[in-house]
PDB file of N, CA and C in Angstrom:
ATOM      1  N   MET A   1       0.822  -1.195   0.000  1.00  0.00           N
ATOM      2  CA  MET A   1       0.000   0.000   0.000  1.00  0.00           C
ATOM      3  C   MET A   1       0.865   1.256   0.000  1.00  0.00           C
ATOM      4  N   MET A   2       1.884   1.295   0.870  1.00  0.00           N
ATOM      5  CA  MET A   2       2.764   2.449   0.966  1.00  0.00           C
ATOM      6  C   MET A   2       3.566   2.648  -0.321  1.00  0.00           C
ATOM      7  N   VAL A   3       4.011   1.548  -0.897  1.00  0.00           N
ATOM      8  CA  VAL A   3       4.781   1.623  -2.140  1.00  0.00           C
ATOM      9  C   VAL A   3       3.911   2.181  -3.258  1.00  0.00           C
ATOM     10  N   GLY A   4       2.667   1.785  -3.303  1.00  0.00           N
ATOM     11  CA  GLY A   4       1.756   2.276  -4.331  1.00  0.00           C
ATOM     12  C   GLY A   4       1.505   3.769  -4.190  1.00  0.00           C
ATOM     13  N   ALA A   5       1.340   4.246  -2.950  1.00  0.00           N
ATOM     14  CA  ALA A   5       1.109   5.666  -2.713  1.00  0.00           C
ATOM     15  C   ALA A   5       2.356   6.473  -3.087  1.00  0.00           C
ATOM     16  N   THR A   6       3.529   5.935  -2.786  1.00  0.00           N
ATOM     17  CA  THR A   6       4.779   6.611  -3.136  1.00  0.00           C
ATOM     18  C   THR A   6       4.942   6.695  -4.651  1.00  0.00           C
ATOM     19  N   MET A   7       4.656   5.604  -5.349  1.00  0.00           N
ATOM     20  CA  MET A   7       4.758   5.594  -6.814  1.00  0.00           C
ATOM     21  C   MET A   7       3.757   6.573  -7.428  1.00  0.00           C
ATOM     22  N   PHE A   8       2.543   6.605  -6.899  1.00  0.00           N
ATOM     23  CA  PHE A   8       1.525   7.531  -7.405  1.00  0.00           C
ATOM     24  C   PHE A   8       1.978   8.982  -7.207  1.00  0.00           C
ATOM     25  N   GLY A   9       2.530   9.312  -6.038  1.00  0.00           N
ATOM     26  CA  GLY A   9       3.017  10.665  -5.768  1.00  0.00           C
ATOM     27  C   GLY A   9       4.165  11.033  -6.694  1.00  0.00           C
ATOM     28  N   ALA A  10       5.067  10.078  -6.959  1.00  0.00           N
ATOM     29  CA  ALA A  10       6.193  10.349  -7.858  1.00  0.00           C
ATOM     30  C   ALA A  10       5.716  10.607  -9.276  1.00  0.00           C
ATOM     31  N   VAL A  11       4.731   9.851  -9.742  1.00  0.00           N
ATOM     32  CA  VAL A  11       4.193  10.047 -11.086  1.00  0.00           C
ATOM     33  C   VAL A  11       3.533  11.420 -11.196  1.00  0.00           C
ATOM     34  N   ILE A  12       2.832  11.844 -10.174  1.00  0.00           N
ATOM     35  CA  ILE A  12       2.173  13.156 -10.215  1.00  0.00           C
ATOM     36  C   ILE A  12       3.220  14.275 -10.214  1.00  0.00           C
ATOM     37  N   LEU A  13       4.253  14.149  -9.374  1.00  0.00           N
ATOM     38  CA  LEU A  13       5.266  15.204  -9.302  1.00  0.00           C
ATOM     39  C   LEU A  13       6.202  15.207 -10.507  1.00  0.00           C
ATOM     40  N   VAL A  14       6.765  14.066 -10.848  1.00  0.00           N
ATOM     41  CA  VAL A  14       7.764  13.994 -11.902  1.00  0.00           C
ATOM     42  C   VAL A  14       7.103  13.830 -13.264  1.00  0.00           C
ATOM     43  N   GLY A  15       6.076  13.016 -13.325  1.00  0.00           N
ATOM     44  CA  GLY A  15       5.385  12.770 -14.589  1.00  0.00           C
ATOM     45  C   GLY A  15       5.716  11.392 -15.127  1.00  0.00           C
ATOM     46  N   SER A  16       5.195  11.120 -16.293  1.00  0.00           N
ATOM     47  CA  SER A  16       5.446   9.840 -16.952  1.00  0.00           C
ATOM     48  C   SER A  16       5.875  10.130 -18.383  1.00  0.00           C
ATOM     49  N   GLU A  17       6.010   9.053 -19.191  1.00  0.00           N
ATOM     50  CA  GLU A  17       6.407   9.239 -20.586  1.00  0.00           C
ATOM     51  C   GLU A  17       5.351  10.031 -21.359  1.00  0.00           C
ATOM     52  N   ASP A  18       4.092   9.820 -21.032  1.00  0.00           N
ATOM     53  CA  ASP A  18       3.003  10.445 -21.770  1.00  0.00           C
ATOM     54  C   ASP A  18       2.672  11.857 -21.264  1.00  0.00           C
ATOM     55  N   ARG A  19       2.882  12.079 -19.997  1.00  0.00           N
ATOM     56  CA  ARG A  19       2.426  13.334 -19.394  1.00  0.00           C
ATOM     57  C   ARG A  19       3.505  13.928 -18.504  1.00  0.00           C
ATOM     58  N   GLU A  20       3.687  15.249 -18.582  1.00  0.00           N
ATOM     59  CA  GLU A  20       4.661  15.920 -17.723  1.00  0.00           C
ATOM     60  C   GLU A  20       4.076  16.090 -16.328  1.00  0.00           C
ATOM     61  N   GLY A  21       4.942  16.101 -15.333  1.00  0.00           N
ATOM     62  CA  GLY A  21       4.495  16.236 -13.960  1.00  0.00           C
ATOM     63  C   GLY A  21       4.444  17.677 -13.486  1.00  0.00           C
ATOM     64  N   ALA A  22       4.053  17.843 -12.236  1.00  0.00           N
ATOM     65  CA  ALA A  22       3.897  19.175 -11.648  1.00  0.00           C
ATOM     66  C   ALA A  22       5.236  19.904 -11.550  1.00  0.00           C
ATOM     67  N   LEU A  23       6.323  19.180 -11.274  1.00  0.00           N
ATOM     68  CA  LEU A  23       7.633  19.820 -11.171  1.00  0.00           C
ATOM     69  C   LEU A  23       8.097  20.370 -12.517  1.00  0.00           C
ATOM     70  N   VAL A  24       7.808  19.677 -13.598  1.00  0.00           N
ATOM     71  CA  VAL A  24       8.185  20.145 -14.930  1.00  0.00           C
ATOM     72  C   VAL A  24       7.408  21.415 -15.269  1.00  0.00           C
ATOM     73  N   HIS A  25       6.121  21.437 -14.932  1.00  0.00           N
ATOM     74  CA  HIS A  25       5.305  22.632 -15.166  1.00  0.00           C
ATOM     75  C   HIS A  25       5.812  23.815 -14.335  1.00  0.00           C
ATOM     76  N   ALA A  26       6.191  23.573 -13.089  1.00  0.00           N
ATOM     77  CA  ALA A  26       6.689  24.645 -12.223  1.00  0.00           C
ATOM     78  C   ALA A  26       8.016  25.185 -12.754  1.00  0.00           C
ATOM     79  N   ALA A  27       8.911  24.301 -13.197  1.00  0.00           N
ATOM     80  CA  ALA A  27      10.195  24.742 -13.737  1.00  0.00           C
ATOM     81  C   ALA A  27       9.993  25.548 -15.017  1.00  0.00           C
ATOM     82  N   ALA A  28       9.072  25.133 -15.855  1.00  0.00           N
ATOM     83  CA  ALA A  28       8.796  25.871 -17.092  1.00  0.00           C
ATOM     84  C   ALA A  28       8.220  27.243 -16.777  1.00  0.00           C
ATOM     85  N   SER A  29       7.383  27.319 -15.758  1.00  0.00           N
ATOM     86  CA  SER A  29       6.804  28.598 -15.362  1.00  0.00           C
ATOM     87  C   SER A  29       7.883  29.547 -14.847  1.00  0.00           C
ATOM     88  N   VAL A  30       8.822  29.046 -14.072  1.00  0.00           N
ATOM     89  CA  VAL A  30       9.913  29.876 -13.553  1.00  0.00           C
ATOM     90  C   VAL A  30      10.791  30.369 -14.695  1.00  0.00           C
ATOM     91  N   GLU A  31      11.113  29.491 -15.633  1.00  0.00           N
ATOM     92  CA  GLU A  31      11.920  29.898 -16.784  1.00  0.00           C
ATOM     93  C   GLU A  31      11.204  30.947 -17.616  1.00  0.00           C
ATOM     94  N   ASN A  32       9.901  30.779 -17.796  1.00  0.00           N
ATOM     95  CA  ASN A  32       9.112  31.731 -18.580  1.00  0.00           C
ATOM     96  C   ASN A  32       9.094  33.099 -17.896  1.00  0.00           C
ATOM     97  N   ASN A  33       8.905  33.120 -16.585  1.00  0.00           N
ATOM     98  CA  ASN A  33       8.902  34.389 -15.845  1.00  0.00           C
ATOM     99  C   ASN A  33      10.277  35.045 -15.863  1.00  0.00           C
ATOM    100  N   ALA A  34      11.331  34.259 -15.799  1.00  0.00           N
ATOM    101  CA  ALA A  34      12.683  34.812 -15.831  1.00  0.00           C
ATOM    102  C   ALA A  34      12.983  35.415 -17.199  1.00  0.00           C
ATOM    103  N   ALA A  35      12.467  34.811 -18.251  1.00  0.00           N
ATOM    104  CA  ALA A  35      12.705  35.341 -19.593  1.00  0.00           C
ATOM    105  C   ALA A  35      11.951  36.653 -19.805  1.00  0.00           C
ATOM    106  N   LYS A  36      10.798  36.817 -19.151  1.00  0.00           N
ATOM    107  CA  LYS A  36      10.007  38.038 -19.289  1.00  0.00           C
ATOM    108  C   LYS A  36      10.551  39.183 -18.432  1.00  0.00           C
ATOM    109  N   ALA A  37      11.315  38.864 -17.413  1.00  0.00           N
ATOM    110  CA  ALA A  37      11.824  39.890 -16.499  1.00  0.00           C
ATOM    111  C   ALA A  37      12.846  40.763 -17.223  1.00  0.00           C
ATOM    112  N   PRO A  38      12.913  42.059 -16.862  1.00  0.00           N
ATOM    113  CA  PRO A  38      13.903  42.916 -17.502  1.00  0.00           C
ATOM    114  C   PRO A  38      15.315  42.461 -17.155  1.00  0.00           C
ATOM    115  N   ALA A  39      16.214  42.682 -18.083  1.00  0.00           N
ATOM    116  CA  ALA A  39      17.605  42.258 -17.874  1.00  0.00           C
ATOM    117  C   ALA A  39      18.218  43.062 -16.736  1.00  0.00           C
ATOM    118  N   ARG A  40      18.961  42.385 -15.922  1.00  0.00           N
ATOM    119  CA  ARG A  40      19.628  43.064 -14.814  1.00  0.00           C
ATOM    120  C   ARG A  40      20.854  43.797 -15.337  1.00  0.00           C
ATOM    121  N   GLN A  41      21.205  44.845 -14.636  1.00  0.00           N
ATOM    122  CA  GLN A  41      22.414  45.561 -15.005  1.00  0.00           C
ATOM    123  C   GLN A  41      23.621  44.719 -14.636  1.00  0.00           C
ATOM    124  N   GLU A  42      24.706  44.965 -15.311  1.00  0.00           N
ATOM    125  CA  GLU A  42      25.913  44.229 -15.023  1.00  0.00           C
ATOM    126  C   GLU A  42      26.412  44.584 -13.627  1.00  0.00           C
ATOM    127  N   PHE A  43      26.921  43.612 -12.921  1.00  0.00           N
ATOM    128  CA  PHE A  43      27.395  43.803 -11.554  1.00  0.00           C
ATOM    129  C   PHE A  43      28.593  44.729 -11.544  1.00  0.00           C
ATOM    130  N   ASN A  44      28.544  45.744 -10.696  1.00  0.00           N
ATOM    131  CA  ASN A  44      29.645  46.681 -10.534  1.00  0.00           C
ATOM    132  C   ASN A  44      30.158  46.553  -9.105  1.00  0.00           C
ATOM    133  N   PRO A  45      31.341  45.973  -8.899  1.00  0.00           N
ATOM    134  CA  PRO A  45      31.816  45.755  -7.538  1.00  0.00           C
ATOM    135  C   PRO A  45      32.205  47.041  -6.811  1.00  0.00           C
ATOM    136  N   ASN A  46      32.470  48.134  -7.543  1.00  0.00           N
ATOM    137  CA  ASN A  46      32.864  49.398  -6.918  1.00  0.00           C
ATOM    138  C   ASN A  46      32.011  50.534  -7.469  1.00  0.00           C
ATOM    139  N   PRO A  47      30.750  50.612  -7.061  1.00  0.00           N
ATOM    140  CA  PRO A  47      29.891  51.667  -7.601  1.00  0.00           C
ATOM    141  C   PRO A  47      30.298  53.035  -7.057  1.00  0.00           C
ATOM    142  N   GLN A  48      30.005  54.064  -7.817  1.00  0.00           N
ATOM    143  CA  GLN A  48      30.284  55.431  -7.371  1.00  0.00           C
ATOM    144  C   GLN A  48      29.233  55.825  -6.331  1.00  0.00           C
ATOM    145  N   PRO A  49      29.627  56.506  -5.271  1.00  0.00           N
ATOM    146  CA  PRO A  49      28.648  56.918  -4.261  1.00  0.00           C
ATOM    147  C   PRO A  49      27.667  57.938  -4.839  1.00  0.00           C
ATOM    148  N   ILE A  50      26.448  57.935  -4.300  1.00  0.00           N
ATOM    149  CA  ILE A  50      25.422  58.853  -4.759  1.00  0.00           C
ATOM    150  C   ILE A  50      25.808  60.288  -4.408  1.00  0.00           C
ATOM    151  N   ARG A  51      26.334  60.494  -3.224  1.00  0.00           N
ATOM    152  CA  ARG A  51      26.787  61.828  -2.836  1.00  0.00           C
ATOM    153  C   ARG A  51      28.255  61.743  -2.449  1.00  0.00           C
ATOM    154  N   GLN A  52      28.916  62.820  -2.640  1.00  0.00           N
ATOM    155  CA  GLN A  52      30.341  62.841  -2.367  1.00  0.00           C
ATOM    156  C   GLN A  52      30.599  62.883  -0.859  1.00  0.00           C
ATOM    157  N   VAL A  53      31.569  62.158  -0.419  1.00  0.00           N
ATOM    158  CA  VAL A  53      31.953  62.121   0.984  1.00  0.00           C
ATOM    159  C   VAL A  53      32.973  63.219   1.231  1.00  0.00           C
ATOM    160  N   GLN A  54      32.738  63.989   2.269  1.00  0.00           N
ATOM    161  CA  GLN A  54      33.673  65.058   2.605  1.00  0.00           C
ATOM    162  C   GLN A  54      34.744  64.509   3.549  1.00  0.00           C
ATOM    163  N   GLN A  55      35.965  64.752   3.185  1.00  0.00           N
ATOM    164  CA  GLN A  55      37.067  64.291   4.008  1.00  0.00           C
ATOM    165  C   GLN A  55      37.403  65.374   5.032  1.00  0.00           C
ATOM    166  N   SER A  56      37.637  64.977   6.259  1.00  0.00           N
ATOM    167  CA  SER A  56      37.998  65.906   7.318  1.00  0.00           C
ATOM    168  C   SER A  56      39.504  66.083   7.356  1.00  0.00           C
ATOM    169  N   ASP A  57      39.916  67.295   7.614  1.00  0.00           N
ATOM    170  CA  ASP A  57      41.345  67.584   7.726  1.00  0.00           C
ATOM    171  C   ASP A  57      41.845  67.427   9.159  1.00  0.00           C
ATOM    172  N   GLU A  58      40.917  67.178  10.099  1.00  0.00           N
ATOM    173  CA  GLU A  58      41.309  67.043  11.499  1.00  0.00           C
ATOM    174  C   GLU A  58      42.053  65.739  11.719  1.00  0.00           C
ATOM    175  N   ALA A  59      43.090  65.808  12.490  1.00  0.00           N
ATOM    176  CA  ALA A  59      43.823  64.609  12.863  1.00  0.00           C
ATOM    177  C   ALA A  59      43.403  64.223  14.279  1.00  0.00           C
ATOM    178  N   ILE A  60      43.096  62.989  14.464  1.00  0.00           N
ATOM    179  CA  ILE A  60      42.700  62.504  15.786  1.00  0.00           C
ATOM    180  C   ILE A  60      43.958  62.155  16.565  1.00  0.00           C
ATOM    181  N   GLU A  61      44.068  62.741  17.747  1.00  0.00           N
ATOM    182  CA  GLU A  61      45.219  62.472  18.591  1.00  0.00           C
ATOM    183  C   GLU A  61      44.812  61.498  19.688  1.00  0.00           C
ATOM    184  N   VAL A  62      45.561  60.466  19.831  1.00  0.00           N
ATOM    185  CA  VAL A  62      45.294  59.462  20.851  1.00  0.00           C
ATOM    186  C   VAL A  62      46.184  59.765  22.036  1.00  0.00           C
ATOM    187  N   ASP A  63      45.551  59.966  23.199  1.00  0.00           N
ATOM    188  CA  ASP A  63      46.307  60.306  24.409  1.00  0.00           C
ATOM    189  C   ASP A  63      46.836  59.074  25.123  1.00  0.00           C
ATOM    190  N   GLY A  64      46.377  57.927  24.767  1.00  0.00           N
ATOM    191  CA  GLY A  64      46.799  56.712  25.449  1.00  0.00           C
ATOM    192  C   GLY A  64      45.571  55.940  25.914  1.00  0.00           C
ATOM    193  N   TRP A  65      45.768  55.091  26.852  1.00  0.00           N
ATOM    194  CA  TRP A  65      44.691  54.267  27.366  1.00  0.00           C
ATOM    195  C   TRP A  65      43.813  55.076  28.320  1.00  0.00           C
ATOM    196  N   ALA A  66      42.532  54.714  28.381  1.00  0.00           N
ATOM    197  CA  ALA A  66      41.603  55.368  29.302  1.00  0.00           C
ATOM    198  C   ALA A  66      41.858  54.870  30.717  1.00  0.00           C
ATOM    199  N   GLU A  67      41.609  55.722  31.671  1.00  0.00           N
ATOM    200  CA  GLU A  67      41.735  55.338  33.078  1.00  0.00           C
ATOM    201  C   GLU A  67      40.553  54.442  33.457  1.00  0.00           C
ATOM    202  N   ASP A  68      40.744  53.580  34.440  1.00  0.00           N
ATOM    203  CA  ASP A  68      39.681  52.684  34.881  1.00  0.00           C
ATOM    204  C   ASP A  68      38.474  53.451  35.400  1.00  0.00           C
ATOM    205  N   THR A  69      38.708  54.576  36.049  1.00  0.00           N
ATOM    206  CA  THR A  69      37.585  55.355  36.594  1.00  0.00           C
ATOM    207  C   THR A  69      36.728  55.944  35.479  1.00  0.00           C
ATOM    208  N   ASP A  70      37.306  56.172  34.300  1.00  0.00           N
ATOM    209  CA  ASP A  70      36.532  56.690  33.174  1.00  0.00           C
ATOM    210  C   ASP A  70      35.644  55.607  32.559  1.00  0.00           C
ATOM    211  N   LEU A  71      35.986  54.362  32.783  1.00  0.00           N
ATOM    212  CA  LEU A  71      35.240  53.261  32.193  1.00  0.00           C
ATOM    213  C   LEU A  71      34.084  52.783  33.059  1.00  0.00           C
ATOM    214  N   ILE A  72      34.012  53.219  34.296  1.00  0.00           N
ATOM    215  CA  ILE A  72      32.972  52.782  35.219  1.00  0.00           C
ATOM    216  C   ILE A  72      31.796  53.728  35.138  1.00  0.00           C
ATOM    217  N   ASP A  73      30.594  53.177  34.975  1.00  0.00           N
ATOM    218  CA  ASP A  73      29.376  53.977  34.902  1.00  0.00           C
ATOM    219  C   ASP A  73      29.029  54.507  36.285  1.00  0.00           C
ATOM    220  N   ASP A  74      28.612  55.761  36.334  1.00  0.00           N
ATOM    221  CA  ASP A  74      28.290  56.360  37.630  1.00  0.00           C
ATOM    222  C   ASP A  74      26.866  56.019  38.083  1.00  0.00           C
ATOM    223  N   THR A  75      26.155  55.250  37.351  1.00  0.00           N
ATOM    224  CA  THR A  75      24.805  54.741  37.653  1.00  0.00           C
ATOM    225  C   THR A  75      23.810  55.834  37.992  1.00  0.00           C
ATOM    226  N   SER A  76      23.949  56.978  37.401  1.00  0.00           N
ATOM    227  CA  SER A  76      22.936  58.007  37.618  1.00  0.00           C
ATOM    228  C   SER A  76      21.819  57.789  36.613  1.00  0.00           C
ATOM    229  N   GLY A  77      20.604  58.116  37.002  1.00  0.00           N
ATOM    230  CA  GLY A  77      19.469  57.964  36.099  1.00  0.00           C
ATOM    231  C   GLY A  77      18.354  57.174  36.748  1.00  0.00           C
ATOM    232  N   PHE A  78      17.780  56.243  36.028  1.00  0.00           N
ATOM    233  CA  PHE A  78      16.627  55.468  36.472  1.00  0.00           C
ATOM    234  C   PHE A  78      16.987  54.581  37.653  1.00  0.00           C
ATOM    235  N   ASP A  79      16.161  54.632  38.680  1.00  0.00           N
ATOM    236  CA  ASP A  79      16.359  53.786  39.850  1.00  0.00           C
ATOM    237  C   ASP A  79      15.449  52.564  39.725  1.00  0.00           C
ATOM    238  N   PRO A  80      16.003  51.371  39.572  1.00  0.00           N
ATOM    239  CA  PRO A  80      15.166  50.184  39.380  1.00  0.00           C
ATOM    240  C   PRO A  80      14.573  49.621  40.665  1.00  0.00           C
ATOM    241  N   THR A  81      14.854  50.221  41.798  1.00  0.00           N
ATOM    242  CA  THR A  81      14.314  49.725  43.062  1.00  0.00           C
ATOM    243  C   THR A  81      12.803  49.933  43.082  1.00  0.00           C
ATOM    244  N   PRO A  82      12.021  48.877  43.382  1.00  0.00           N
ATOM    245  CA  PRO A  82      10.567  49.051  43.388  1.00  0.00           C
ATOM    246  C   PRO A  82      10.106  49.934  44.544  1.00  0.00           C
ATOM    247  N   GLU A  83       8.934  50.522  44.352  1.00  0.00           N
ATOM    248  CA  GLU A  83       8.372  51.351  45.421  1.00  0.00           C
ATOM    249  C   GLU A  83       7.977  50.456  46.587  1.00  0.00           C
ATOM    250  N   SER A  84       7.831  51.059  47.739  1.00  0.00           N
ATOM    251  CA  SER A  84       7.453  50.274  48.908  1.00  0.00           C
ATOM    252  C   SER A  84       6.025  49.762  48.746  1.00  0.00           C
ATOM    253  N   PHE A  85       5.764  48.596  49.315  1.00  0.00           N
ATOM    254  CA  PHE A  85       4.455  47.954  49.227  1.00  0.00           C
ATOM    255  C   PHE A  85       3.849  47.922  50.621  1.00  0.00           C
ATOM    256  N   ASP A  86       2.665  48.539  50.733  1.00  0.00           N
ATOM    257  CA  ASP A  86       2.007  48.583  52.040  1.00  0.00           C
ATOM    258  C   ASP A  86       0.522  48.284  51.859  1.00  0.00           C
ATOM    259  N   PRO A  87       0.065  47.060  52.249  1.00  0.00           N
ATOM    260  CA  PRO A  87      -1.354  46.722  52.108  1.00  0.00           C
ATOM    261  C   PRO A  87      -2.254  47.617  52.960  1.00  0.00           C
ATOM    262  N   ALA A  88      -1.723  48.202  54.035  1.00  0.00           N
ATOM    263  CA  ALA A  88      -2.533  49.071  54.891  1.00  0.00           C
ATOM    264  C   ALA A  88      -2.947  50.334  54.138  1.00  0.00           C
ATOM    265  N   GLU A  89      -2.168  50.745  53.138  1.00  0.00           N
ATOM    266  CA  GLU A  89      -2.494  51.930  52.351  1.00  0.00           C
ATOM    267  C   GLU A  89      -3.369  51.606  51.138  1.00  0.00           C
ATOM    268  N   GLY A  90      -3.774  50.345  50.994  1.00  0.00           N
ATOM    269  CA  GLY A  90      -4.631  49.954  49.881  1.00  0.00           C
ATOM    270  C   GLY A  90      -3.886  49.330  48.724  1.00  0.00           C
ATOM    271  N   ASP A  91      -2.588  49.117  48.870  1.00  0.00           N
ATOM    272  CA  ASP A  91      -1.841  48.458  47.806  1.00  0.00           C
ATOM    273  C   ASP A  91      -2.293  47.003  47.708  1.00  0.00           C
ATOM    274  N   GLU A  92      -2.438  46.523  46.492  1.00  0.00           N
ATOM    275  CA  GLU A  92      -2.880  45.143  46.278  1.00  0.00           C
ATOM    276  C   GLU A  92      -1.770  44.346  45.623  1.00  0.00           C
ATOM    277  N   TYR A  93      -1.684  43.096  46.000  1.00  0.00           N
ATOM    278  CA  TYR A  93      -0.665  42.208  45.474  1.00  0.00           C
ATOM    279  C   TYR A  93      -1.361  41.113  44.678  1.00  0.00           C
ATOM    280  N   TYR A  94      -1.054  41.002  43.401  1.00  0.00           N
ATOM    281  CA  TYR A  94      -1.673  39.991  42.544  1.00  0.00           C
ATOM    282  C   TYR A  94      -0.639  38.954  42.162  1.00  0.00           C
ATOM    283  N   LEU A  95      -1.050  37.700  42.197  1.00  0.00           N
ATOM    284  CA  LEU A  95      -0.217  36.641  41.685  1.00  0.00           C
ATOM    285  C   LEU A  95      -0.391  36.566  40.183  1.00  0.00           C
ATOM    286  N   GLU A  96       0.540  35.947  39.499  1.00  0.00           N
ATOM    287  CA  GLU A  96       0.528  35.920  38.047  1.00  0.00           C
ATOM    288  C   GLU A  96      -0.735  35.261  37.490  1.00  0.00           C
ATOM    289  N   ASP A  97      -1.251  34.237  38.136  1.00  0.00           N
ATOM    290  CA  ASP A  97      -2.433  33.531  37.624  1.00  0.00           C
ATOM    291  C   ASP A  97      -3.741  34.237  37.990  1.00  0.00           C
ATOM    292  N   GLU A  98      -3.702  35.349  38.709  1.00  0.00           N
ATOM    293  CA  GLU A  98      -4.925  36.072  39.088  1.00  0.00           C
ATOM    294  C   GLU A  98      -5.253  37.215  38.147  1.00  0.00           C
ATOM    295  N   PHE A  99      -4.485  37.428  37.103  1.00  0.00           N
ATOM    296  CA  PHE A  99      -4.768  38.519  36.169  1.00  0.00           C
ATOM    297  C   PHE A  99      -5.972  38.226  35.333  1.00  0.00           C
TER     298      PHE A  99
END
C-alpha cells in the first residue's frame, strides 16, 4: 500500500512518458517568468557613491589608554528599586495567575 502511494506521488510530481508532472510545469513557469523579467544591469563591484563624501582635515590624537575610573558607569538615572508595598495603604498584590 505504501509503495503504491509513493509511486503515485512520484508520477504526479515527476510525470510519466506520456504526461509531464507538476515539477516540470513549475520549472517551465519559472523559466518563462525569468525570460520576461527585464535584464539586470551588469554587476559593478565598486559603484560610485550617490553623494560625495567630505574628508575631514582634522587629525585625531590618541592620548593613550583610558583610566579605569573613566570606564565605570556612575549609575545616575533610572532607579530600578521598586516602590514600597504597604497593604494598609490599599496596595494590592496579585499573583501571576490572578490577572
